N, C-alpha and C. Protein backbone atom coordinates (compact mmCIF):
# COMPACT_ATOMS: atom_id res chain seq x y z
N MET A 1 -41.13 -1.00 13.21
CA MET A 1 -40.22 -0.27 13.18
C MET A 1 -40.51 0.90 13.30
N ILE A 2 -41.38 1.63 12.67
CA ILE A 2 -41.60 3.09 13.08
C ILE A 2 -41.94 3.31 14.32
N LEU A 3 -43.14 2.30 14.86
CA LEU A 3 -44.01 2.72 15.90
C LEU A 3 -43.06 2.09 17.13
N GLY A 4 -42.03 1.96 17.35
CA GLY A 4 -40.88 1.06 18.33
C GLY A 4 -39.77 1.92 18.03
N THR A 5 -39.60 3.00 17.54
CA THR A 5 -38.89 4.03 17.23
C THR A 5 -39.71 5.28 18.22
N PHE A 6 -40.69 5.49 17.33
CA PHE A 6 -41.75 6.70 18.59
C PHE A 6 -42.16 5.60 19.90
N LEU A 7 -42.23 4.88 19.96
CA LEU A 7 -42.32 4.63 21.48
C LEU A 7 -41.11 4.49 21.99
N GLY A 8 -40.13 4.23 21.49
CA GLY A 8 -38.80 4.65 22.82
C GLY A 8 -38.72 6.07 22.26
N ALA A 9 -38.84 7.06 21.40
CA ALA A 9 -38.95 8.16 22.01
C ALA A 9 -39.63 8.74 22.80
N PHE A 10 -41.10 8.27 22.84
CA PHE A 10 -41.78 9.18 23.84
C PHE A 10 -41.19 8.75 25.36
N ALA A 11 -40.82 6.83 25.46
CA ALA A 11 -40.57 6.62 26.78
C ALA A 11 -39.35 7.91 27.18
N THR A 12 -38.49 8.12 26.65
CA THR A 12 -37.39 8.35 26.60
C THR A 12 -37.36 9.13 26.92
N ILE A 13 -38.52 10.65 25.85
CA ILE A 13 -38.62 12.15 26.83
C ILE A 13 -39.50 11.93 27.93
N LEU A 14 -40.56 11.21 27.83
CA LEU A 14 -41.44 10.95 28.99
C LEU A 14 -40.32 10.61 30.78
N GLY A 15 -39.58 9.75 30.60
CA GLY A 15 -38.46 9.69 31.57
C GLY A 15 -37.34 10.77 31.93
N MET A 16 -37.23 11.80 30.99
CA MET A 16 -36.76 13.09 31.79
C MET A 16 -37.71 14.35 31.82
N ILE A 17 -38.67 13.99 31.69
CA ILE A 17 -40.07 14.99 31.88
C ILE A 17 -40.04 14.76 33.69
N ILE A 18 -39.84 13.50 33.92
CA ILE A 18 -40.38 12.65 35.37
C ILE A 18 -39.13 13.14 35.94
N ASN A 19 -37.85 12.73 35.64
CA ASN A 19 -36.29 13.47 36.04
C ASN A 19 -36.50 14.93 36.74
N LEU A 20 -37.23 15.45 34.91
CA LEU A 20 -36.85 17.14 35.69
C LEU A 20 -37.77 17.55 37.07
N TYR A 21 -38.94 16.90 37.13
CA TYR A 21 -39.99 17.21 38.18
C TYR A 21 -39.62 16.92 39.66
N ILE A 22 -39.21 15.69 39.10
CA ILE A 22 -37.78 15.40 40.88
C ILE A 22 -37.21 16.26 40.99
N TRP A 23 -36.35 16.92 40.48
CA TRP A 23 -35.96 17.40 40.60
C TRP A 23 -36.03 18.93 41.21
N VAL A 24 -37.28 19.14 40.55
CA VAL A 24 -38.08 20.16 40.91
C VAL A 24 -38.45 20.33 42.60
N VAL A 25 -39.06 19.26 42.91
CA VAL A 25 -39.45 18.71 44.12
C VAL A 25 -38.21 18.97 45.36
N ILE A 26 -37.41 18.21 44.42
CA ILE A 26 -36.20 18.50 45.47
C ILE A 26 -35.63 19.96 46.04
N ILE A 27 -35.54 20.89 44.80
CA ILE A 27 -34.91 22.06 45.50
C ILE A 27 -36.22 22.71 45.90
N ALA A 28 -37.19 22.61 45.42
CA ALA A 28 -38.76 23.65 46.39
C ALA A 28 -38.26 22.93 47.90
N ALA A 29 -37.98 21.84 47.90
CA ALA A 29 -38.19 21.45 49.10
C ALA A 29 -37.02 21.87 50.38
N LEU A 30 -35.94 21.80 49.29
CA LEU A 30 -35.00 22.55 50.38
C LEU A 30 -35.08 24.05 50.34
N ILE A 31 -35.23 24.41 49.85
CA ILE A 31 -35.66 25.90 49.35
C ILE A 31 -36.62 26.19 50.94
N SER A 32 -37.70 25.62 50.40
CA SER A 32 -38.43 25.98 51.84
C SER A 32 -37.76 25.66 53.77
N TRP A 33 -37.13 25.33 53.22
CA TRP A 33 -35.91 24.80 54.63
C TRP A 33 -36.22 26.47 55.27
N VAL A 34 -35.21 27.16 54.50
CA VAL A 34 -35.13 28.65 54.79
C VAL A 34 -35.57 29.19 54.70
N ARG A 35 -37.12 29.84 54.62
CA ARG A 35 -38.01 30.70 54.36
C ARG A 35 -37.48 31.77 53.79
N PRO A 36 -37.91 31.18 52.14
CA PRO A 36 -37.81 32.09 50.89
C PRO A 36 -38.66 33.30 50.87
N ASP A 37 -38.27 34.29 50.53
CA ASP A 37 -39.41 35.13 50.09
C ASP A 37 -40.24 34.90 49.18
N PRO A 38 -42.01 34.71 49.67
CA PRO A 38 -42.79 34.67 49.25
C PRO A 38 -43.05 35.40 47.60
N TYR A 39 -41.97 36.15 47.27
CA TYR A 39 -42.35 37.31 46.15
C TYR A 39 -41.47 37.16 45.16
N ASN A 40 -40.82 36.41 45.44
CA ASN A 40 -39.51 35.84 44.63
C ASN A 40 -40.38 34.97 42.95
N PRO A 41 -39.94 35.26 42.65
CA PRO A 41 -40.27 34.35 41.25
C PRO A 41 -40.26 33.09 41.07
N ILE A 42 -38.70 32.97 41.02
CA ILE A 42 -38.35 31.38 41.42
C ILE A 42 -39.34 30.96 42.47
N VAL A 43 -39.11 31.29 43.42
CA VAL A 43 -40.07 30.63 44.90
C VAL A 43 -41.40 30.34 44.16
N GLN A 44 -41.70 32.08 43.63
CA GLN A 44 -43.60 31.18 43.37
C GLN A 44 -43.88 30.43 42.34
N ILE A 45 -42.97 30.18 40.77
CA ILE A 45 -42.73 28.94 40.15
C ILE A 45 -42.79 27.85 40.76
N LEU A 46 -42.05 27.97 41.49
CA LEU A 46 -41.62 26.29 42.09
C LEU A 46 -42.97 25.56 42.73
N ASN A 47 -43.77 26.97 43.76
CA ASN A 47 -44.96 26.71 44.72
C ASN A 47 -45.81 26.15 43.69
N ARG A 48 -45.85 26.83 42.33
CA ARG A 48 -47.19 26.34 41.32
C ARG A 48 -46.75 25.36 40.85
N LEU A 49 -45.85 24.89 40.64
CA LEU A 49 -45.53 23.23 40.02
C LEU A 49 -45.30 22.33 40.95
N THR A 50 -45.28 22.71 42.40
CA THR A 50 -45.56 21.50 43.10
C THR A 50 -46.62 21.45 44.05
N GLN A 51 -47.07 22.80 44.43
CA GLN A 51 -48.29 22.48 45.71
C GLN A 51 -49.51 21.86 44.91
N PRO A 52 -49.86 21.74 44.10
CA PRO A 52 -50.76 21.26 43.25
C PRO A 52 -51.09 19.73 43.43
N VAL A 53 -49.54 18.66 43.18
CA VAL A 53 -49.18 18.02 43.37
C VAL A 53 -49.15 17.56 44.96
N TYR A 54 -48.80 18.23 45.64
CA TYR A 54 -48.80 18.28 47.29
C TYR A 54 -50.51 17.93 47.81
N ALA A 55 -51.01 18.94 47.61
CA ALA A 55 -52.48 19.35 47.87
C ALA A 55 -53.44 17.91 47.58
N LYS A 56 -53.29 17.44 46.33
CA LYS A 56 -53.83 16.12 46.16
C LYS A 56 -53.20 14.97 46.56
N LEU A 57 -51.50 15.19 46.78
CA LEU A 57 -51.38 13.75 48.04
C LEU A 57 -51.80 13.96 49.21
N ARG A 58 -52.37 14.87 49.25
CA ARG A 58 -52.51 15.33 50.90
C ARG A 58 -54.11 15.21 51.29
N SER A 59 -54.76 15.31 50.44
CA SER A 59 -56.09 14.88 49.98
C SER A 59 -56.69 13.06 50.23
N ILE A 60 -55.50 12.65 49.76
CA ILE A 60 -55.46 10.83 49.56
C ILE A 60 -55.34 10.16 50.93
N ILE A 61 -53.83 10.91 51.18
CA ILE A 61 -53.42 10.35 52.40
C ILE A 61 -53.44 11.09 53.22
N PRO A 62 -52.54 11.22 54.90
CA PRO A 62 -52.44 12.23 55.22
C PRO A 62 -50.47 12.12 55.41
N THR A 63 -49.95 12.74 55.36
CA THR A 63 -48.59 13.24 54.96
C THR A 63 -47.81 14.01 55.99
N THR A 64 -48.38 14.24 57.16
CA THR A 64 -47.62 15.06 58.27
C THR A 64 -47.45 14.33 59.13
N ILE A 65 -45.82 13.92 59.66
CA ILE A 65 -46.10 13.00 60.54
C ILE A 65 -45.07 13.62 61.42
N ALA A 66 -45.14 13.91 63.07
CA ALA A 66 -44.39 14.58 63.75
C ALA A 66 -44.20 15.90 63.35
N GLY A 67 -44.92 16.37 62.85
CA GLY A 67 -45.05 17.94 61.96
C GLY A 67 -43.72 18.32 61.23
N LEU A 68 -43.47 17.05 60.14
CA LEU A 68 -42.91 17.07 59.14
C LEU A 68 -43.47 16.87 57.85
N ASP A 69 -43.72 17.48 56.85
CA ASP A 69 -44.71 17.21 56.09
C ASP A 69 -43.51 16.24 55.23
N LEU A 70 -44.11 14.92 55.00
CA LEU A 70 -43.36 14.36 53.71
C LEU A 70 -43.89 13.53 52.47
N SER A 71 -45.09 15.17 52.49
CA SER A 71 -45.10 15.43 50.87
C SER A 71 -44.26 15.07 49.70
N PRO A 72 -43.24 16.18 49.59
CA PRO A 72 -42.05 15.97 48.75
C PRO A 72 -41.54 14.50 48.18
N LEU A 73 -41.11 13.35 49.80
CA LEU A 73 -40.41 12.32 49.54
C LEU A 73 -41.43 11.17 48.98
N ILE A 74 -42.63 11.26 49.35
CA ILE A 74 -43.70 10.52 48.50
C ILE A 74 -43.87 11.06 46.95
N VAL A 75 -43.95 12.53 47.11
CA VAL A 75 -44.02 12.33 45.61
C VAL A 75 -42.55 12.08 44.67
N VAL A 76 -41.53 11.97 45.19
CA VAL A 76 -40.28 11.69 44.68
C VAL A 76 -40.15 10.12 44.48
N ILE A 77 -40.49 9.46 45.80
CA ILE A 77 -40.55 8.15 45.44
C ILE A 77 -41.52 7.07 44.53
N VAL A 78 -42.62 7.64 44.28
CA VAL A 78 -43.92 7.74 43.62
C VAL A 78 -43.48 8.10 41.59
N LEU A 79 -42.18 9.11 41.59
CA LEU A 79 -42.34 9.55 40.08
C LEU A 79 -41.20 8.38 39.71
N LYS A 80 -40.33 7.57 41.05
CA LYS A 80 -39.13 7.25 40.55
C LYS A 80 -39.28 6.02 40.01
N PHE A 81 -40.32 5.09 40.66
CA PHE A 81 -41.11 4.12 40.72
C PHE A 81 -41.58 4.15 39.34
N ILE A 82 -42.66 4.95 39.32
CA ILE A 82 -43.18 5.30 37.77
C ILE A 82 -42.02 5.36 36.68
N ASP A 83 -40.84 5.65 36.86
CA ASP A 83 -39.52 5.75 36.19
C ASP A 83 -38.96 4.51 35.87
N LEU A 84 -38.67 3.95 36.99
CA LEU A 84 -38.36 2.30 36.90
C LEU A 84 -39.03 1.36 36.07
N SER A 85 -40.17 1.70 36.67
CA SER A 85 -41.03 0.79 35.90
C SER A 85 -41.77 0.92 34.59
N LEU A 86 -42.70 1.33 34.57
CA LEU A 86 -43.12 2.02 33.73
C LEU A 86 -42.51 2.27 32.01
N ILE A 87 -41.72 3.27 32.06
CA ILE A 87 -40.51 3.98 31.72
C ILE A 87 -39.88 2.43 30.82
N GLN A 88 -39.34 1.45 31.35
CA GLN A 88 -38.53 0.51 31.61
C GLN A 88 -39.45 -0.24 30.96
N LEU A 89 -40.55 -0.82 30.68
CA LEU A 89 -41.42 -1.24 30.30
C LEU A 89 -41.67 -0.82 28.44
N LEU A 90 -41.95 0.79 28.61
CA LEU A 90 -42.31 1.13 27.36
C LEU A 90 -41.19 0.77 26.52
N MET A 91 -39.85 1.00 27.09
CA MET A 91 -38.66 0.86 26.29
C MET A 91 -38.30 -0.27 26.13
N ARG A 92 -38.81 -1.13 26.46
CA ARG A 92 -38.24 -2.88 26.68
C ARG A 92 -39.60 -3.13 25.34
N TYR A 93 -40.43 -2.58 25.60
CA TYR A 93 -42.19 -2.94 24.35
C TYR A 93 -40.97 -2.31 23.27
N ALA A 94 -40.63 -0.77 23.61
CA ALA A 94 -40.26 -0.86 21.72
C ALA A 94 -38.65 -1.44 21.18
N ALA A 95 -38.57 -1.96 21.62
CA ALA A 95 -37.26 -2.39 21.45
C ALA A 95 -37.94 -4.19 20.27
N ARG A 96 -39.01 -4.58 20.83
CA ARG A 96 -39.23 -5.63 20.59
C ARG A 96 -39.78 -5.28 19.08
N LEU A 97 -40.68 -3.94 18.95
CA LEU A 97 -41.08 -3.85 17.80
C LEU A 97 -40.30 -3.79 16.62
């Protein structure tokens, strides 16, 4: 029972972190369309949070199609898949304990 509660709380927090990072990716992608000031602290934080993930993804598969970088879209899809599958499995498993 205690393990189930702990696992449910862990799954909930992990789901919140995944959803927060999805919003960070979306905001960074939208800001990149308007050529932001690279010295702006918000832009720097967004780049520090997203560029390492994009670089890792780009090293695995090509993400540019016709000059359009699809890295943010792929990252959001993968994170949403993890959220909808793994987090839900953890929640169901926690409910059984």
